[in-house]
Amino acid sequence: MCFIIVLLLILYIGYRSYQYLYPLPDINPRGKYVLISGCDTGFGHTLAIELDKKGFNVFATVYNDENEALLKSKLSSNATVFCLDITKPTQIEAAYKIVRDKTDTLHALVNNAGVDQDGLIDWVTLDFMRKMMEVNFFGHVAMTKTFLPLLIVKRDSRVINLCSVAGYLAAPSMSSYCASKFALESFSDCLRREMHPWGLHVSIIEPGYMRTPIIEGHVEAMRKIWDSLPTDTKDRWGRDYFNNLLDKRSNNLFIHFAENPIRVVQSIQHAVINTKPSIRYRPGWQSSFIFFPLSMIPAWITDLMMDKLRGRSLIPAGVSKQLM
């Protein structure tokens, strides 16, 4: 068994070294159009700028209209910036018209828009979960279905979906976010297999914690959820348990060592530009060397390790009463 593991490791290192030394060529960006959602900040914002510099015709969408002028000022005259809420069918239809007026062919659709806010299953409402799914899953499904005819006009177009380590490894207090990302992962796999005859590439990006605005404000958001809970739910869990949960979030080792988001942007760029994009990208050490291996081992070991990695735990007040 050890011999097999060592052999596989050597083969993997050899393969990765070959990829590094002999990279596959990139496509010519001239005349190619790329649509990116969620360009207000973070990955989408940087990606739009980088692809514009490389010569792609970029359609960059923003959620907040106050961000439109700022992004326009950073892009060339070849780029088009407009507002889009991917949960609104009428706005997606309007986006299709904007794109269709300029081209009948899309080289790439980058489904990047997303939200990350969560709490314990016993704390969040069904409406809260539905909103998370609307943005992180159904919005991307709607975008993909709408723009698919423009993508499959020619072979070698691609769809790139911004997923997460939360799409293959579920963590406590992140049920809504994980569910939306697991759903997007499976949708991406189905899309890739169904559209194989058309030559459509589908790539999934699975980063860990990155230094972007999406990881900020988690503690304050959880405080608001706690404050809105009914008294019996608060009594069931207890203030001490809540404070301990906030402490874990504030001192999360992976958030503290969040990685440079340019790694994610580079992965998306490769998926857009390279002649042979990968099916999955796991940018950074967190996703590749910690979270993905954790997802592959027996579940009870993963449960134990995740509990230890999260720091000191307290039991809920209701459990303490049961044990008395």
Protein backbone atom coordinates (compact mmCIF):
# COMPACT_ATOMS: atom_id res chain seq x y z
CA MET A 1 0.00 0.00 0.00
CA CYS A 2 2.81 2.43 0.90
CA PHE A 3 4.52 1.61 -2.41
CA ILE A 4 1.31 2.44 -4.32
CA ILE A 5 0.90 5.74 -2.45
CA VAL A 6 4.52 6.73 -3.12
CA LEU A 7 4.20 5.74 -6.78
CA LEU A 8 1.01 7.79 -7.20
CA LEU A 9 2.69 10.75 -5.50
CA ILE A 10 5.68 10.53 -7.84
CA LEU A 11 3.41 10.29 -10.89
CA TYR A 12 1.40 13.29 -9.70
CA ILE A 13 4.52 15.40 -9.08
CA GLY A 14 5.87 14.37 -12.48
CA TYR A 15 2.61 15.30 -14.19
CA ARG A 16 2.42 18.69 -12.47
CA SER A 17 6.07 19.37 -13.31
CA TYR A 18 5.41 18.55 -16.96
CA GLN A 19 2.42 20.93 -16.98
CA TYR A 20 4.59 23.68 -15.50
CA LEU A 21 7.51 23.17 -17.90
CA TYR A 22 5.38 22.62 -21.00
CA PRO A 23 2.19 24.67 -20.61
CA LEU A 24 -0.51 24.41 -23.23
CA PRO A 25 -0.95 27.45 -25.48
CA ASP A 26 -3.49 30.21 -24.89
CA ILE A 27 -6.16 31.31 -27.33
CA ASN A 28 -6.12 34.57 -29.27
CA PRO A 29 -8.40 37.00 -27.37
CA ARG A 30 -9.12 39.17 -30.40
CA GLY A 31 -12.84 39.41 -31.13
CA LYS A 32 -13.79 37.17 -28.19
CA TYR A 33 -16.48 38.21 -25.71
CA VAL A 34 -16.58 37.28 -22.00
CA LEU A 35 -19.52 37.90 -19.64
CA ILE A 36 -18.71 38.15 -15.91
CA SER A 37 -21.25 38.55 -13.11
CA GLY A 38 -20.50 40.13 -9.73
CA CYS A 39 -17.77 42.60 -10.67
CA ASP A 40 -18.43 45.10 -7.87
CA THR A 41 -15.43 43.91 -5.84
CA GLY A 42 -13.22 40.87 -5.30
CA PHE A 43 -12.54 38.23 -7.95
CA GLY A 44 -14.94 39.57 -10.56
CA HIS A 45 -13.65 43.14 -10.34
CA THR A 46 -10.01 42.13 -10.78
CA LEU A 47 -10.83 39.55 -13.46
CA ALA A 48 -12.68 42.12 -15.59
CA ILE A 49 -9.67 44.44 -15.49
CA GLU A 50 -7.16 41.68 -16.31
CA LEU A 51 -9.16 40.21 -19.21
CA ASP A 52 -9.76 43.70 -20.60
CA LYS A 53 -6.00 44.33 -20.56
CA LYS A 54 -5.42 41.10 -22.46
CA GLY A 55 -7.70 42.21 -25.28
CA PHE A 56 -10.99 40.44 -24.56
CA ASN A 57 -14.29 42.23 -25.07
CA VAL A 58 -15.60 42.18 -21.50
CA PHE A 59 -19.20 42.42 -20.34
CA ALA A 60 -18.83 43.21 -16.63
CA THR A 61 -21.95 43.30 -14.47
CA VAL A 62 -22.30 44.94 -11.07
CA TYR A 63 -25.03 44.56 -8.45
CA ASN A 64 -24.86 48.09 -7.01
CA ASP A 65 -25.26 50.91 -9.51
CA GLU A 66 -22.80 53.13 -7.58
CA ASN A 67 -20.03 50.72 -8.61
CA GLU A 68 -20.76 51.04 -12.32
CA ALA A 69 -18.92 54.32 -12.98
CA LEU A 70 -15.88 53.24 -10.93
CA LEU A 71 -15.42 50.02 -12.89
CA LYS A 72 -15.98 51.78 -16.22
CA SER A 73 -13.14 54.15 -15.39
CA LYS A 74 -10.77 51.19 -15.04
CA LEU A 75 -11.68 49.49 -18.31
CA SER A 76 -11.09 50.25 -21.97
CA SER A 77 -13.70 51.39 -24.46
CA ASN A 78 -14.09 47.76 -25.60
CA ALA A 79 -15.68 46.83 -22.27
CA THR A 80 -19.35 47.14 -21.38
CA VAL A 81 -20.42 47.63 -17.74
CA PHE A 82 -24.02 47.39 -16.59
CA CYS A 83 -26.10 46.56 -13.52
CA LEU A 84 -27.50 43.07 -13.05
CA ASP A 85 -29.25 41.23 -10.24
CA ILE A 86 -29.01 37.58 -11.27
CA THR A 87 -32.05 36.70 -9.17
CA LYS A 88 -34.30 38.89 -11.36
CA PRO A 89 -35.43 37.21 -14.62
CA THR A 90 -36.30 40.57 -16.22
CA GLN A 91 -32.78 41.86 -15.58
CA ILE A 92 -31.25 38.70 -17.04
CA GLU A 93 -33.41 39.19 -20.15
CA ALA A 94 -32.21 42.80 -20.38
CA ALA A 95 -28.60 41.59 -20.01
CA TYR A 96 -29.13 39.13 -22.84
CA LYS A 97 -30.33 41.96 -25.08
CA ILE A 98 -27.26 44.07 -24.22
CA VAL A 99 -24.95 41.19 -25.10
CA ARG A 100 -26.92 40.13 -28.19
CA ASP A 101 -26.82 43.68 -29.58
CA LYS A 102 -23.01 43.48 -29.67
CA THR A 103 -22.37 39.84 -30.56
CA ASP A 104 -24.07 36.56 -31.40
CA THR A 105 -21.24 34.51 -29.87
CA LEU A 106 -19.92 34.31 -26.33
CA HIS A 107 -16.49 32.84 -25.66
CA ALA A 108 -17.03 32.53 -21.90
CA LEU A 109 -19.59 33.02 -19.15
CA VAL A 110 -18.07 33.50 -15.68
CA ASN A 111 -20.69 32.92 -12.97
CA ASN A 112 -18.96 34.77 -10.15
CA ALA A 113 -21.67 36.64 -8.22
CA GLY A 114 -22.39 35.30 -4.75
CA VAL A 115 -23.13 35.94 -1.08
CA ASP A 116 -21.72 34.30 2.04
CA GLN A 117 -23.72 34.68 5.22
CA ASP A 118 -24.82 31.87 7.49
CA GLY A 119 -25.78 30.57 10.91
CA LEU A 120 -26.82 27.36 12.64
CA ILE A 121 -29.68 25.45 11.01
CA ASP A 122 -31.79 25.98 14.14
CA TRP A 123 -31.20 29.74 13.88
CA VAL A 124 -31.80 30.60 10.22
CA THR A 125 -35.19 30.83 8.52
CA LEU A 126 -36.31 29.06 5.37
CA ASP A 127 -36.47 32.46 3.65
CA PHE A 128 -32.82 32.98 4.60
CA MET A 129 -31.90 29.65 3.02
CA ARG A 130 -33.98 30.34 -0.08
CA LYS A 131 -32.27 33.71 -0.61
CA MET A 132 -28.86 32.04 -0.41
CA MET A 133 -29.92 29.46 -2.99
CA GLU A 134 -31.43 32.13 -5.25
CA VAL A 135 -28.15 34.05 -5.47
CA ASN A 136 -25.54 31.28 -5.28
CA PHE A 137 -27.37 28.63 -7.31
CA PHE A 138 -30.59 29.49 -9.16
CA GLY A 139 -29.19 32.81 -10.37
CA HIS A 140 -26.26 31.04 -12.01
CA VAL A 141 -28.53 28.37 -13.46
CA ALA A 142 -30.72 31.10 -14.98
CA MET A 143 -27.66 32.89 -16.42
CA THR A 144 -26.30 29.67 -17.90
CA LYS A 145 -29.60 28.64 -19.48
CA THR A 146 -30.16 32.12 -20.91
CA PHE A 147 -26.71 32.51 -22.49
CA LEU A 148 -26.18 28.88 -23.49
CA PRO A 149 -27.35 29.48 -27.10
CA LEU A 150 -24.65 32.16 -27.52
CA LEU A 151 -22.00 29.86 -26.04
CA ILE A 152 -22.59 26.80 -28.20
CA VAL A 153 -22.61 28.74 -31.48
CA LYS A 154 -18.97 27.66 -31.70
CA ARG A 155 -16.92 24.90 -30.11
CA ASP A 156 -14.45 25.49 -27.27
CA SER A 157 -16.54 28.13 -25.51
CA ARG A 158 -16.67 27.77 -21.77
CA VAL A 159 -18.67 28.28 -18.58
CA ILE A 160 -16.68 28.97 -15.40
CA ASN A 161 -18.53 28.60 -12.08
CA LEU A 162 -17.14 30.14 -8.90
CA CYS A 163 -17.74 27.47 -6.28
CA SER A 164 -15.78 26.94 -3.06
CA VAL A 165 -14.27 24.35 -0.75
CA ALA A 166 -17.79 24.56 0.73
CA GLY A 167 -18.94 22.80 -2.43
CA TYR A 168 -17.24 19.56 -1.41
CA LEU A 169 -16.76 19.89 2.37
CA ALA A 170 -19.65 20.95 4.62
CA ALA A 171 -18.89 22.84 7.82
CA PRO A 172 -21.10 23.57 10.86
CA SER A 173 -22.91 26.95 10.88
CA MET A 174 -22.55 27.12 7.05
CA SER A 175 -25.48 24.95 5.95
CA SER A 176 -27.09 27.44 3.55
CA TYR A 177 -23.83 28.43 1.87
CA CYS A 178 -22.59 24.84 1.61
CA ALA A 179 -25.92 23.64 0.20
CA SER A 180 -25.82 26.33 -2.50
CA LYS A 181 -22.23 25.47 -3.45
CA PHE A 182 -22.81 21.69 -3.44
CA ALA A 183 -25.76 22.34 -5.76
CA LEU A 184 -23.63 24.47 -8.10
CA GLU A 185 -20.93 21.78 -8.18
CA SER A 186 -23.38 19.07 -9.24
CA PHE A 187 -25.04 21.38 -11.76
CA SER A 188 -21.62 22.10 -13.26
CA ASP A 189 -20.80 18.40 -13.58
CA CYS A 190 -24.15 17.69 -15.25
CA LEU A 191 -23.72 20.63 -17.61
CA ARG A 192 -20.22 19.50 -18.62
CA ARG A 193 -21.35 15.95 -19.38
CA GLU A 194 -24.50 17.01 -21.22
CA MET A 195 -22.75 19.63 -23.35
CA HIS A 196 -19.71 17.50 -24.23
CA PRO A 197 -20.98 16.86 -27.78
CA TRP A 198 -21.09 20.64 -28.31
CA GLY A 199 -17.48 21.08 -27.19
CA LEU A 200 -18.44 23.36 -24.28
CA HIS A 201 -15.85 23.42 -21.48
CA VAL A 202 -17.18 23.73 -17.92
CA SER A 203 -14.71 24.63 -15.17
CA ILE A 204 -15.29 24.79 -11.42
CA ILE A 205 -13.20 27.04 -9.14
CA GLU A 206 -12.90 25.80 -5.54
CA PRO A 207 -10.94 28.29 -3.40
CA GLY A 208 -10.53 28.29 0.36
CA TYR A 209 -10.59 31.49 2.41
CA MET A 210 -9.30 34.44 0.38
CA ARG A 211 -8.74 38.06 1.41
CA THR A 212 -11.88 39.48 -0.19
CA PRO A 213 -14.82 41.52 1.17
CA ILE A 214 -17.01 38.38 1.22
CA ILE A 215 -15.26 37.05 4.36
CA GLU A 216 -15.70 40.33 6.24
CA GLY A 217 -18.64 41.04 8.49
CA HIS A 218 -19.42 37.41 9.42
CA VAL A 219 -19.36 38.12 13.16
CA GLU A 220 -21.66 41.12 12.92
CA ALA A 221 -24.04 39.20 10.65
CA MET A 222 -24.22 36.35 13.16
CA ARG A 223 -24.96 38.83 15.95
CA LYS A 224 -27.94 40.11 13.97
CA ILE A 225 -29.22 36.57 13.47
CA TRP A 226 -28.87 35.86 17.20
CA ASP A 227 -30.65 39.08 18.16
CA SER A 228 -33.60 38.17 15.95
CA LEU A 229 -34.06 34.69 17.45
CA PRO A 230 -37.09 33.88 19.62
CA THR A 231 -36.43 33.58 23.34
CA ASP A 232 -36.93 29.81 23.47
CA THR A 233 -34.25 29.27 20.79
CA LYS A 234 -31.80 31.51 22.65
CA ASP A 235 -32.51 29.61 25.86
CA ARG A 236 -31.98 26.29 24.07
CA TRP A 237 -28.46 27.26 22.99
CA GLY A 238 -27.44 29.77 25.62
CA ARG A 239 -25.49 33.03 25.50
CA ASP A 240 -22.23 31.27 26.44
CA TYR A 241 -22.52 28.94 23.46
CA PHE A 242 -23.20 31.88 21.16
CA ASN A 243 -20.21 33.84 22.49
CA ASN A 244 -18.02 30.75 22.05
CA LEU A 245 -19.20 30.45 18.43
CA LEU A 246 -18.33 34.10 17.79
CA ASP A 247 -14.93 33.56 19.36
CA LYS A 248 -14.28 30.61 17.03
CA ARG A 249 -15.26 32.72 14.03
CA SER A 250 -13.11 35.66 15.13
CA ASN A 251 -10.07 33.44 15.71
CA ASN A 252 -10.55 31.14 12.72
CA LEU A 253 -7.04 30.12 11.67
CA PHE A 254 -7.96 29.88 7.99
CA ILE A 255 -9.56 33.32 7.94
CA HIS A 256 -6.53 34.72 9.79
CA PHE A 257 -4.27 33.24 7.09
CA ALA A 258 -6.64 33.98 4.21
CA GLU A 259 -4.80 33.80 0.91
CA ASN A 260 -4.13 36.29 -1.85
CA PRO A 261 -7.24 36.45 -4.10
CA ILE A 262 -5.05 36.85 -7.18
CA ARG A 263 -4.61 33.06 -7.07
CA VAL A 264 -8.32 32.66 -7.79
CA VAL A 265 -8.24 35.29 -10.53
CA GLN A 266 -5.32 33.47 -12.16
CA SER A 267 -7.27 30.20 -12.09
CA ILE A 268 -10.31 31.81 -13.69
CA GLN A 269 -8.08 33.45 -16.29
CA HIS A 270 -6.58 30.07 -17.16
CA ALA A 271 -10.07 28.61 -17.56
CA VAL A 272 -11.02 31.49 -19.88
CA ILE A 273 -7.80 31.72 -21.89
CA ASN A 274 -6.16 28.30 -22.11
CA THR A 275 -6.86 25.95 -25.01
CA LYS A 276 -7.36 23.09 -22.53
CA PRO A 277 -9.03 24.45 -19.38
CA SER A 278 -9.13 22.17 -16.35
CA ILE A 279 -12.38 20.75 -15.01
CA ARG A 280 -11.56 21.78 -11.45
CA TYR A 281 -9.22 24.38 -10.00
CA ARG A 282 -8.27 24.43 -6.32
CA PRO A 283 -6.23 27.63 -5.97
CA GLY A 284 -4.13 28.05 -2.85
CA TRP A 285 -2.80 25.77 -0.13
CA GLN A 286 -6.01 25.66 1.91
CA SER A 287 -8.13 24.06 -0.79
CA SER A 288 -5.47 21.78 -2.27
CA PHE A 289 -3.63 20.54 0.80
CA ILE A 290 -6.09 20.76 3.72
CA PHE A 291 -9.76 20.93 2.80
CA PHE A 292 -9.75 18.58 -0.20
CA PRO A 293 -7.83 15.81 1.63
CA LEU A 294 -10.24 16.27 4.58
CA SER A 295 -13.15 15.63 2.22
CA MET A 296 -11.66 12.32 1.05
CA ILE A 297 -11.04 10.55 4.36
CA PRO A 298 -13.69 8.68 6.45
CA ALA A 299 -16.40 11.05 7.67
CA TRP A 300 -15.91 10.32 11.36
CA ILE A 301 -12.24 11.32 11.12
CA THR A 302 -13.18 14.50 9.25
CA ASP A 303 -15.78 15.32 11.93
CA LEU A 304 -13.20 14.90 14.67
CA MET A 305 -10.54 16.95 12.90
CA MET A 306 -12.95 19.76 12.01
CA ASP A 307 -14.09 19.96 15.62
CA LYS A 308 -10.49 20.22 16.83
CA LEU A 309 -9.50 22.75 14.16
CA ARG A 310 -12.34 25.06 15.20
CA GLY A 311 -10.99 25.45 18.74
CA ARG A 312 -12.48 25.05 22.22
CA SER A 313 -16.12 24.00 22.24
CA LEU A 314 -18.95 24.48 24.71
CA ILE A 315 -22.09 22.40 24.83
CA PRO A 316 -25.46 24.13 24.38
CA ALA A 317 -27.39 25.19 27.47
CA GLY A 318 -30.19 22.74 26.67
CA VAL A 319 -27.74 19.84 26.57
CA SER A 320 -26.30 20.88 29.96
CA LYS A 321 -29.80 20.72 31.45
CA GLN A 322 -30.32 17.23 30.02
CA LEU A 323 -27.10 16.02 31.64
CA MET A 324 -27.92 17.40 35.07
